[in-house]
Amino acid sequence: MQAPAAAPAAGAGPAPQQQTWMGTIFKFLMIYMAYQYLFAPKGPKPVDSTGKVLPPHRNAWLPSTPLDLYVYLSEDPYTFRADDLVWEQHGLSYDSNDSNNRELSLDVDVNEHMLSNGTVYTHAVITQAGVAPYKLRDGDVEITRGEAVIHQVHPQVKYMKRLKAKDKKNLISGEKEDVTAVAQDKTPSYLPTEYIPYWKPNVTVNLVEDFTAYPRGGIPPNIANLIKIDADGKYKPVLYFNEFWQMKGDLIAINNTLRSVPLTLSYSILSMWKWQLYLQMQQSFEMQGAIGSLGGMGEEVDEGGEEEVKRMLLDTNPILLGVTFAVSLLHSVFDFLAFKNDIQFWRSNNSMEGLSVKSILLNAGCQFIIFLYLLDNDTSLLILVSVGVGVLIELWKVQKAMVVKVDWSGSVPRVSFTDKASYSSRTKEFDEYAMKYLSYVLYVLVVGYAVYSLMYETHKSW
């Protein structure tokens, strides 16, 4: 019979489970204190000329404020004419009710201004109900200013580089690649870069719902330049033109064959967290594009990587998308661990007994060929760096597995490879035996694909 557990002695301290909860609470307190120390506004609270502490920044508009919406299409980025009005909506309110979602589809005539590389601007004006969006002064429109009116301008035309053809051809027949199947507006690569105007067929106007009381000088840096503060310290809601889901494939090239272009106008209330998420993701895309991680290098940057990510977010099941992200994250972690363990092994390894030297040479050659292929196809800089590091590691492993000597006596340096003393005859025999039968399959596949590619595929040159 098992003896009963002894009761804890007086003053022995809390039970283990209680200690766990106390430790967890302590950690949360430490994290909160660290956050307050690092990110909370520093220094004394701002005061006015009389010494009174200034109140925090608050939204000048109250929840459920009745609103009116006016949208104008103008050739002037600063103002518009009264007859430029294309959409007018009443009965809106400043809340996230679905009844505020509105949409309009129309056709816009292509005029001489647009054909002459002129830009059309979308003017969105949201006013509190009953407030006029503008006043007429000597026949000219004067946009209403003040707390009750929000005016925002957005270019409706985007200028992008005309795509250039790759100038590929079949090396045997000389037949060039069919560029008409790729894009109609591609030009030969020897011509200078040309920018052409594209019409944006979708315009999404979002009014951000935000009633946060920001401390004086404590507006988050990522939105500080987007929130306008008046003399009283109040801010008006942000009117945001949401282009996050505007795909490049939806843009319409403006040319003299068009009589009109479609335009879909959408309006809705956008929550604060969604707005910040859009801003953060767009900033992330721009940063990755700047370092080439979304495709391309130099002038040949392929901006399609960003579009592929957006299409994946749109078309993929959320559960499958989450699993894909988790697997990708695990793959990156395991890839890093494989690199680390590989380096650790070869740094401490002093014997080639039982190791294949020929497989190391083969891996180094294959990695170098893959790197050249990716470099020739304008692959993203992020992938090139990763593969390039892999090539350097493989070359480093070669000099760890063999004795590498460079002879500088001649006009051209000569590199010689000799086996290490630890590479025994028995190991070498099995290595050559394995590579002999592997080469029977490898050489057939390499030569077969090379002949196929030469006969049926196009290339830049020999």
Protein backbone atom coordinates (compact mmCIF):
# COMPACT_ATOMS: atom_id res chain seq x y z
CA MET A 1 0.00 0.00 0.00
CA GLN A 2 1.40 3.37 -1.04
CA ALA A 3 2.01 5.79 1.77
CA PRO A 4 0.03 9.02 1.63
CA ALA A 5 1.88 12.09 0.37
CA ALA A 6 3.19 14.28 3.08
CA ALA A 7 1.47 17.62 3.50
CA PRO A 8 3.56 20.63 2.56
CA ALA A 9 5.32 22.21 5.42
CA ALA A 10 4.17 25.55 6.63
CA GLY A 11 5.88 28.37 4.86
CA ALA A 12 7.06 26.08 2.04
CA GLY A 13 5.63 28.43 -0.61
CA PRO A 14 2.84 28.18 -3.21
CA ALA A 15 2.07 25.07 -5.21
CA PRO A 16 3.85 24.51 -8.56
CA GLN A 17 0.71 25.39 -10.57
CA GLN A 18 0.35 28.64 -8.64
CA GLN A 19 4.02 29.41 -9.30
CA THR A 20 3.41 28.88 -13.04
CA TRP A 21 0.53 31.35 -13.10
CA MET A 22 2.49 33.86 -11.06
CA GLY A 23 5.41 33.54 -13.49
CA THR A 24 3.12 34.08 -16.46
CA ILE A 25 1.55 37.18 -14.92
CA PHE A 26 5.01 38.49 -14.04
CA LYS A 27 6.15 38.04 -17.66
CA PHE A 28 3.13 39.93 -18.96
CA LEU A 29 3.83 42.76 -16.53
CA MET A 30 7.45 42.92 -17.65
CA ILE A 31 6.42 43.01 -21.33
CA TYR A 32 3.87 45.77 -20.62
CA MET A 33 6.43 47.82 -18.70
CA ALA A 34 8.98 47.40 -21.48
CA TYR A 35 6.41 48.49 -24.08
CA GLN A 36 5.47 51.54 -22.03
CA TYR A 37 9.13 52.45 -21.61
CA LEU A 38 9.99 52.06 -25.30
CA PHE A 39 6.88 53.36 -27.04
CA ALA A 40 4.95 55.57 -24.64
CA PRO A 41 5.30 59.34 -25.23
CA LYS A 42 8.30 60.72 -23.37
CA GLY A 43 8.64 63.94 -21.48
CA PRO A 44 6.07 66.17 -19.78
CA LYS A 45 2.54 66.46 -21.14
CA PRO A 46 2.13 69.38 -23.58
CA VAL A 47 0.43 72.48 -22.20
CA ASP A 48 -0.97 75.68 -23.70
CA SER A 49 0.15 79.24 -22.97
CA THR A 50 -1.80 79.28 -19.68
CA GLY A 51 -0.20 76.06 -18.43
CA LYS A 52 -3.31 73.95 -18.99
CA VAL A 53 -2.64 70.40 -20.19
CA LEU A 54 -3.77 70.02 -23.79
CA PRO A 55 -6.42 67.35 -24.43
CA PRO A 56 -5.67 64.35 -26.66
CA HIS A 57 -6.35 64.33 -30.40
CA ARG A 58 -9.95 63.22 -30.99
CA ASN A 59 -12.04 62.65 -34.08
CA ALA A 60 -13.95 65.79 -35.02
CA TRP A 61 -16.82 63.67 -36.38
CA LEU A 62 -19.19 61.82 -34.05
CA PRO A 63 -20.32 58.22 -34.65
CA SER A 64 -23.27 57.82 -37.03
CA THR A 65 -22.89 61.37 -38.37
CA PRO A 66 -25.12 61.72 -41.51
CA LEU A 67 -23.00 62.12 -44.63
CA ASP A 68 -23.19 62.93 -48.35
CA LEU A 69 -20.77 61.73 -51.04
CA TYR A 70 -19.79 63.51 -54.27
CA VAL A 71 -17.37 62.15 -56.88
CA TYR A 72 -16.03 64.27 -59.76
CA LEU A 73 -13.80 63.41 -62.74
CA SER A 74 -11.63 66.37 -63.67
CA GLU A 75 -8.54 67.14 -65.72
CA ASP A 76 -7.39 69.53 -62.97
CA PRO A 77 -5.65 67.99 -59.92
CA TYR A 78 -6.64 70.91 -57.67
CA THR A 79 -10.27 71.62 -58.43
CA PHE A 80 -13.23 70.58 -60.59
CA ARG A 81 -16.19 72.05 -62.41
CA ALA A 82 -19.79 71.65 -61.34
CA ASP A 83 -20.60 69.56 -64.42
CA ASP A 84 -17.74 67.13 -63.65
CA LEU A 85 -19.99 65.36 -61.15
CA VAL A 86 -20.37 61.64 -61.97
CA TRP A 87 -21.73 60.24 -58.70
CA GLU A 88 -23.78 61.64 -55.84
CA GLN A 89 -24.95 59.70 -52.80
CA HIS A 90 -27.05 60.81 -49.81
CA GLY A 91 -28.30 59.04 -46.70
CA LEU A 92 -24.86 57.77 -45.64
CA SER A 93 -23.64 57.63 -42.05
CA TYR A 94 -20.28 57.44 -40.32
CA ASP A 95 -20.47 53.86 -39.07
CA SER A 96 -19.72 50.37 -40.34
CA ASN A 97 -23.32 49.54 -41.26
CA ASP A 98 -23.61 47.56 -44.53
CA SER A 99 -26.21 50.03 -45.76
CA ASN A 100 -23.33 52.46 -46.38
CA ASN A 101 -21.83 50.24 -49.09
CA ARG A 102 -22.52 51.80 -52.48
CA GLU A 103 -21.37 51.06 -56.05
CA LEU A 104 -21.79 52.58 -59.51
CA SER A 105 -20.64 51.41 -62.96
CA LEU A 106 -20.37 53.81 -65.89
CA ASP A 107 -18.47 54.43 -69.13
CA VAL A 108 -16.10 57.38 -69.51
CA ASP A 109 -15.50 58.83 -72.96
CA VAL A 110 -11.89 58.86 -74.16
CA ASN A 111 -11.16 62.48 -75.15
CA GLU A 112 -8.24 64.25 -76.79
CA HIS A 113 -6.77 65.14 -73.40
CA MET A 114 -6.41 61.46 -72.47
CA LEU A 115 -5.00 60.55 -75.90
CA SER A 116 -2.39 63.30 -75.51
CA ASN A 117 -0.98 61.67 -72.35
CA GLY A 118 -3.16 63.83 -70.14
CA THR A 119 -4.18 62.62 -66.68
CA VAL A 120 -7.71 62.48 -65.32
CA TYR A 121 -8.23 62.94 -61.58
CA THR A 122 -10.93 61.57 -59.31
CA HIS A 123 -12.09 64.11 -56.72
CA ALA A 124 -13.98 62.54 -53.81
CA VAL A 125 -15.77 64.93 -51.46
CA ILE A 126 -17.56 63.72 -48.32
CA THR A 127 -19.57 66.27 -46.37
CA GLN A 128 -21.74 66.16 -43.33
CA ALA A 129 -25.38 66.06 -44.45
CA GLY A 130 -26.64 69.36 -45.77
CA VAL A 131 -23.20 70.93 -46.32
CA ALA A 132 -22.48 71.95 -49.93
CA PRO A 133 -19.28 70.50 -51.42
CA TYR A 134 -18.36 73.79 -53.07
CA LYS A 135 -19.29 77.42 -53.56
CA LEU A 136 -19.39 79.37 -56.81
CA ARG A 137 -17.26 82.50 -56.79
CA ASP A 138 -17.30 84.53 -60.01
CA GLY A 139 -18.39 81.40 -61.88
CA ASP A 140 -15.49 79.30 -60.54
CA VAL A 141 -15.79 76.40 -58.11
CA GLU A 142 -14.35 77.01 -54.66
CA ILE A 143 -14.22 73.75 -52.68
CA THR A 144 -15.74 74.09 -49.21
CA ARG A 145 -13.18 74.02 -46.42
CA GLY A 146 -13.67 73.31 -42.75
CA GLU A 147 -14.42 70.58 -40.28
CA ALA A 148 -17.55 69.32 -42.06
CA VAL A 149 -15.90 68.57 -45.45
CA ILE A 150 -13.24 66.06 -46.54
CA HIS A 151 -11.71 66.35 -50.02
CA GLN A 152 -9.27 63.89 -51.54
CA VAL A 153 -7.78 63.62 -55.05
CA HIS A 154 -6.58 60.52 -56.86
CA PRO A 155 -5.03 60.11 -60.35
CA GLN A 156 -7.16 57.93 -62.58
CA VAL A 157 -4.37 57.23 -65.09
CA LYS A 158 -1.19 55.30 -64.31
CA TYR A 159 1.96 55.49 -66.44
CA MET A 160 3.98 52.28 -66.72
CA LYS A 161 6.90 51.07 -68.78
CA ARG A 162 6.07 49.46 -72.07
CA LEU A 163 7.18 45.82 -71.90
CA LYS A 164 10.15 44.83 -74.02
CA ALA A 165 10.45 41.65 -76.01
CA LYS A 166 13.13 39.15 -74.97
CA ASP A 167 14.42 38.67 -78.58
CA LYS A 168 14.66 34.88 -78.21
CA LYS A 169 14.98 32.57 -81.19
CA ASN A 170 15.45 28.93 -82.07
CA LEU A 171 19.18 28.38 -82.50
CA ILE A 172 18.75 25.83 -85.33
CA SER A 173 15.91 27.22 -87.44
CA GLY A 174 16.40 30.88 -86.48
CA GLU A 175 12.65 31.27 -85.88
CA LYS A 176 11.92 33.96 -83.28
CA GLU A 177 9.59 33.66 -80.32
CA ASP A 178 5.96 34.62 -81.00
CA VAL A 179 5.71 37.85 -79.01
CA THR A 180 2.08 38.43 -80.01
CA ALA A 181 1.06 35.62 -77.69
CA VAL A 182 2.77 37.36 -74.79
CA ALA A 183 1.58 40.97 -75.02
CA GLN A 184 0.49 43.28 -77.79
CA ASP A 185 2.41 46.30 -76.52
CA LYS A 186 5.88 44.72 -76.37
CA THR A 187 8.64 46.44 -78.30
CA PRO A 188 12.12 45.23 -79.31
CA SER A 189 14.68 45.37 -76.51
CA TYR A 190 17.00 47.73 -78.44
CA LEU A 191 14.44 50.58 -78.35
CA PRO A 192 14.54 53.08 -75.44
CA THR A 193 12.19 52.69 -72.49
CA GLU A 194 8.74 54.13 -73.19
CA TYR A 195 5.95 54.90 -70.73
CA ILE A 196 2.33 54.53 -71.78
CA PRO A 197 -0.88 55.56 -69.94
CA TYR A 198 -3.21 52.96 -68.42
CA TRP A 199 -6.75 53.58 -67.22
CA LYS A 200 -7.74 52.33 -63.77
CA PRO A 201 -11.19 50.74 -64.21
CA ASN A 202 -11.90 50.40 -60.47
CA VAL A 203 -11.95 53.12 -57.81
CA THR A 204 -12.62 52.17 -54.19
CA VAL A 205 -13.24 55.06 -51.79
CA ASN A 206 -12.99 54.17 -48.11
CA LEU A 207 -13.78 56.40 -45.16
CA VAL A 208 -11.74 55.14 -42.19
CA GLU A 209 -13.72 54.64 -38.98
CA ASP A 210 -11.43 55.74 -36.17
CA PHE A 211 -12.44 57.21 -32.82
CA THR A 212 -9.10 56.73 -31.08
CA ALA A 213 -8.03 59.41 -28.61
CA TYR A 214 -4.35 59.90 -29.47
CA PRO A 215 -2.11 61.61 -26.90
CA ARG A 216 -0.52 64.83 -28.02
CA GLY A 217 2.44 63.90 -30.19
CA GLY A 218 1.58 60.19 -29.81
CA ILE A 219 0.01 59.35 -33.19
CA PRO A 220 1.64 56.16 -34.59
CA PRO A 221 4.40 57.05 -37.06
CA ASN A 222 2.98 54.90 -39.89
CA ILE A 223 -0.21 57.01 -40.05
CA ALA A 224 0.97 60.33 -38.61
CA ASN A 225 1.46 61.89 -42.07
CA LEU A 226 -2.01 60.74 -43.20
CA ILE A 227 -4.00 62.23 -40.31
CA LYS A 228 -4.56 65.98 -40.51
CA ILE A 229 -4.74 67.85 -37.22
CA ASP A 230 -6.55 71.20 -36.96
CA ALA A 231 -5.74 74.13 -34.69
CA ASP A 232 -7.88 72.69 -31.88
CA GLY A 233 -6.06 69.37 -31.94
CA LYS A 234 -8.91 67.47 -33.58
CA TYR A 235 -8.59 65.30 -36.68
CA LYS A 236 -11.01 64.57 -39.48
CA PRO A 237 -11.57 61.00 -40.72
CA VAL A 238 -9.14 59.76 -43.36
CA LEU A 239 -10.55 59.42 -46.88
CA TYR A 240 -8.58 56.57 -48.43
CA PHE A 241 -8.41 55.54 -52.10
CA ASN A 242 -7.91 51.81 -51.77
CA GLU A 243 -5.85 50.42 -54.67
CA PHE A 244 -4.61 47.31 -52.90
CA TRP A 245 -6.72 44.95 -55.03
CA GLN A 246 -6.17 46.89 -58.27
CA MET A 247 -4.39 44.30 -60.44
CA LYS A 248 -2.10 45.31 -63.27
CA GLY A 249 -3.91 42.90 -65.57
CA ASP A 250 -7.13 44.92 -65.07
CA LEU A 251 -5.58 48.17 -66.31
CA ILE A 252 -6.55 49.33 -69.80
CA ALA A 253 -3.97 50.82 -72.16
CA ILE A 254 -5.24 54.15 -73.51
CA ASN A 255 -4.93 54.49 -77.29
CA ASN A 256 -6.86 55.95 -80.22
CA THR A 257 -8.76 52.69 -80.83
CA LEU A 258 -10.85 53.25 -77.69
CA ARG A 259 -14.05 55.25 -77.66
CA SER A 260 -14.75 54.83 -73.96
CA VAL A 261 -13.37 53.06 -70.89
CA PRO A 262 -15.32 51.42 -68.04
CA LEU A 263 -15.25 52.75 -64.50
CA THR A 264 -16.63 51.13 -61.34
CA LEU A 265 -16.91 53.39 -58.29
CA SER A 266 -17.25 51.80 -54.84
CA TYR A 267 -17.73 53.36 -51.42
CA SER A 268 -17.66 51.79 -47.96
CA ILE A 269 -16.55 52.39 -44.38
CA LEU A 270 -13.18 50.84 -43.53
CA SER A 271 -12.23 49.83 -39.99
CA MET A 272 -9.03 51.16 -38.49
CA TRP A 273 -7.27 47.78 -38.24
CA LYS A 274 -8.04 46.91 -41.88
CA TRP A 275 -6.70 50.27 -43.04
CA GLN A 276 -3.47 49.81 -41.11
CA LEU A 277 -3.18 46.26 -42.47
CA TYR A 278 -3.47 47.55 -46.06
CA LEU A 279 -0.86 50.22 -45.37
CA GLN A 280 1.51 47.74 -43.74
CA MET A 281 1.23 45.19 -46.55
CA GLN A 282 1.69 47.83 -49.24
CA GLN A 283 4.75 49.19 -47.46
CA SER A 284 6.09 45.64 -47.20
CA PHE A 285 5.58 45.10 -50.96
CA GLU A 286 7.41 48.35 -51.72
CA MET A 287 10.35 47.44 -49.48
CA GLN A 288 10.61 43.94 -50.96
CA GLY A 289 10.37 45.38 -54.47
CA ALA A 290 13.19 47.81 -53.67
CA ILE A 291 15.54 44.96 -52.76
CA GLY A 292 14.30 42.78 -55.61
CA SER A 293 12.73 40.05 -53.47
CA LEU A 294 9.55 40.07 -55.57
CA GLY A 295 11.32 39.53 -58.86
CA GLY A 296 13.88 41.06 -61.18
CA MET A 297 16.95 43.23 -60.91
CA GLY A 298 17.82 46.72 -62.07
CA GLU A 299 15.68 48.11 -64.87
CA GLU A 300 14.12 44.74 -65.58
CA VAL A 301 12.29 44.52 -62.26
CA ASP A 302 9.28 42.26 -62.62
CA GLU A 303 6.48 43.75 -60.57
CA GLY A 304 4.35 40.67 -61.11
CA GLY A 305 5.53 39.11 -57.83
CA GLU A 306 3.34 41.49 -55.84
CA GLU A 307 0.36 40.65 -58.04
CA GLU A 308 0.93 36.92 -57.58
CA VAL A 309 0.80 37.36 -53.81
CA LYS A 310 -2.44 39.35 -54.05
CA ARG A 311 -4.04 36.81 -56.40
CA MET A 312 -3.04 34.05 -54.01
CA LEU A 313 -4.77 35.92 -51.17
CA LEU A 314 -7.88 36.41 -53.32
CA ASP A 315 -8.24 32.99 -54.93
CA THR A 316 -6.93 30.61 -52.27
CA ASN A 317 -9.02 29.02 -49.54
CA PRO A 318 -8.08 30.66 -46.20
CA ILE A 319 -7.40 27.30 -44.53
CA LEU A 320 -5.19 26.16 -47.41
CA LEU A 321 -3.47 29.55 -47.36
CA GLY A 322 -2.72 29.23 -43.66
CA VAL A 323 -1.33 25.72 -44.13
CA THR A 324 0.81 26.97 -47.04
CA PHE A 325 2.26 29.80 -44.94
CA ALA A 326 2.98 27.41 -42.07
CA VAL A 327 4.69 24.91 -44.38
CA SER A 328 6.70 27.71 -46.02
CA LEU A 329 7.80 28.97 -42.63
CA LEU A 330 8.83 25.47 -41.53
CA HIS A 331 10.67 24.98 -44.82
CA SER A 332 12.65 28.17 -44.23
CA VAL A 333 13.50 27.09 -40.68
CA PHE A 334 14.59 23.61 -41.76
CA ASP A 335 16.57 25.09 -44.66
CA PHE A 336 18.44 27.32 -42.23
CA LEU A 337 19.06 24.41 -39.84
CA ALA A 338 20.34 22.28 -42.73
CA PHE A 339 22.81 25.02 -43.68
CA LYS A 340 23.92 25.36 -40.06
CA ASN A 341 24.39 21.63 -39.48
CA ASP A 342 26.16 21.20 -42.82
CA ILE A 343 28.66 23.91 -41.95
CA GLN A 344 29.15 22.59 -38.43
CA PHE A 345 29.87 19.08 -39.74
CA TRP A 346 32.42 20.14 -42.33
CA ARG A 347 34.16 22.58 -40.00
CA SER A 348 34.88 19.80 -37.50
CA ASN A 349 35.43 17.01 -40.06
CA ASN A 350 39.06 16.00 -40.66
CA SER A 351 38.57 12.66 -42.39
CA MET A 352 37.01 11.68 -45.71
CA GLU A 353 36.61 8.03 -44.67
CA GLY A 354 33.21 6.86 -45.90
CA LEU A 355 32.35 10.18 -47.62
CA SER A 356 31.79 10.66 -51.36
CA VAL A 357 34.09 13.26 -52.92
CA LYS A 358 32.55 12.89 -56.37
CA SER A 359 29.05 13.70 -55.08
CA ILE A 360 30.43 16.88 -53.51
CA LEU A 361 31.95 17.94 -56.85
CA LEU A 362 28.69 17.07 -58.63
CA ASN A 363 26.62 19.10 -56.16
CA ALA A 364 28.92 22.12 -56.53
CA GLY A 365 28.67 21.96 -60.33
CA CYS A 366 24.87 21.62 -60.29
CA GLN A 367 24.46 24.49 -57.83
CA PHE A 368 26.65 26.74 -59.97
CA ILE A 369 24.64 25.90 -63.13
CA ILE A 370 21.38 26.61 -61.30
CA PHE A 371 22.77 29.96 -60.13
CA LEU A 372 23.73 30.94 -63.70
CA TYR A 373 20.29 29.92 -64.97
CA LEU A 374 18.50 32.02 -62.34
CA LEU A 375 20.82 34.97 -63.04
CA ASP A 376 20.07 34.77 -66.77
CA ASN A 377 16.31 34.73 -66.15
CA ASP A 378 16.22 37.89 -63.99
CA THR A 379 15.20 36.02 -60.85
CA SER A 380 14.51 37.95 -57.67
CA LEU A 381 17.49 39.17 -55.71
CA LEU A 382 16.34 37.35 -52.57
CA ILE A 383 16.46 33.96 -54.33
CA LEU A 384 19.77 34.78 -56.04
CA VAL A 385 21.39 35.59 -52.71
CA SER A 386 20.09 32.36 -51.16
CA VAL A 387 21.32 30.21 -54.08
CA GLY A 388 24.59 32.15 -54.24
CA VAL A 389 25.27 31.42 -50.57
CA GLY A 390 24.57 27.75 -51.32
CA VAL A 391 27.14 27.82 -54.15
CA LEU A 392 29.77 29.33 -51.85
CA ILE A 393 29.09 26.66 -49.23
CA GLU A 394 29.44 23.90 -51.84
CA LEU A 395 32.75 25.36 -53.05
CA TRP A 396 33.97 25.61 -49.47
CA LYS A 397 33.06 21.94 -48.95
CA VAL A 398 35.14 21.05 -52.03
CA GLN A 399 38.28 22.54 -50.52
CA LYS A 400 37.50 20.76 -47.24
CA ALA A 401 37.09 17.41 -49.04
CA MET A 402 40.12 17.74 -51.35
CA VAL A 403 43.51 19.41 -51.50
CA VAL A 404 43.03 22.42 -53.80
CA LYS A 405 46.13 24.14 -55.15
CA VAL A 406 46.39 27.15 -57.46
CA ASP A 407 49.48 27.51 -59.65
CA TRP A 408 50.19 31.20 -60.40
CA SER A 409 53.45 30.59 -62.29
CA GLY A 410 51.90 30.78 -65.78
CA SER A 411 49.97 33.52 -67.52
CA VAL A 412 46.73 31.73 -66.62
CA PRO A 413 46.29 30.35 -63.08
CA ARG A 414 45.83 26.59 -62.98
CA VAL A 415 43.78 24.83 -60.30
CA SER A 416 44.61 21.26 -59.31
CA PHE A 417 42.58 18.87 -57.15
CA THR A 418 44.14 15.94 -55.29
CA ASP A 419 42.64 13.48 -52.84
CA LYS A 420 43.32 13.79 -49.16
CA ALA A 421 45.24 11.06 -47.36
CA SER A 422 42.12 10.15 -45.36
CA TYR A 423 40.27 9.34 -48.60
CA SER A 424 41.15 5.61 -48.43
CA SER A 425 41.27 3.28 -51.41
CA ARG A 426 38.24 1.38 -50.14
CA THR A 427 36.13 4.54 -49.90
CA LYS A 428 37.36 5.70 -53.31
CA GLU A 429 36.46 2.33 -54.83
CA PHE A 430 32.84 2.48 -53.60
CA ASP A 431 32.61 6.16 -54.64
CA GLU A 432 33.69 5.43 -58.23
CA TYR A 433 31.47 2.33 -58.36
CA ALA A 434 28.37 4.34 -57.36
CA MET A 435 29.10 7.27 -59.67
CA LYS A 436 29.69 4.89 -62.58
CA TYR A 437 26.14 3.55 -62.54
CA LEU A 438 24.67 6.95 -61.68
CA SER A 439 26.37 8.47 -64.73
CA TYR A 440 24.61 6.00 -67.04
CA VAL A 441 21.29 7.61 -66.17
CA LEU A 442 22.57 11.16 -65.61
CA TYR A 443 24.38 11.53 -68.95
CA VAL A 444 21.40 10.20 -70.94
CA LEU A 445 19.01 12.64 -69.25
CA VAL A 446 21.33 15.66 -69.64
CA VAL A 447 22.16 14.99 -73.30
CA GLY A 448 18.53 14.14 -74.13
CA TYR A 449 17.14 17.36 -72.64
CA ALA A 450 19.92 19.44 -74.23
CA VAL A 451 18.99 18.10 -77.68
CA TYR A 452 15.28 18.67 -77.03
CA SER A 453 15.87 22.24 -75.85
CA LEU A 454 18.09 22.98 -78.85
CA MET A 455 15.50 21.71 -81.33
CA TYR A 456 12.22 23.00 -79.89
CA GLU A 457 12.89 25.87 -77.47
CA THR A 458 14.03 29.46 -77.99
CA HIS A 459 17.17 31.01 -76.50
CA LYS A 460 18.87 34.40 -76.39
CA SER A 461 22.08 33.07 -77.98
CA TRP A 462 24.47 30.11 -78.02
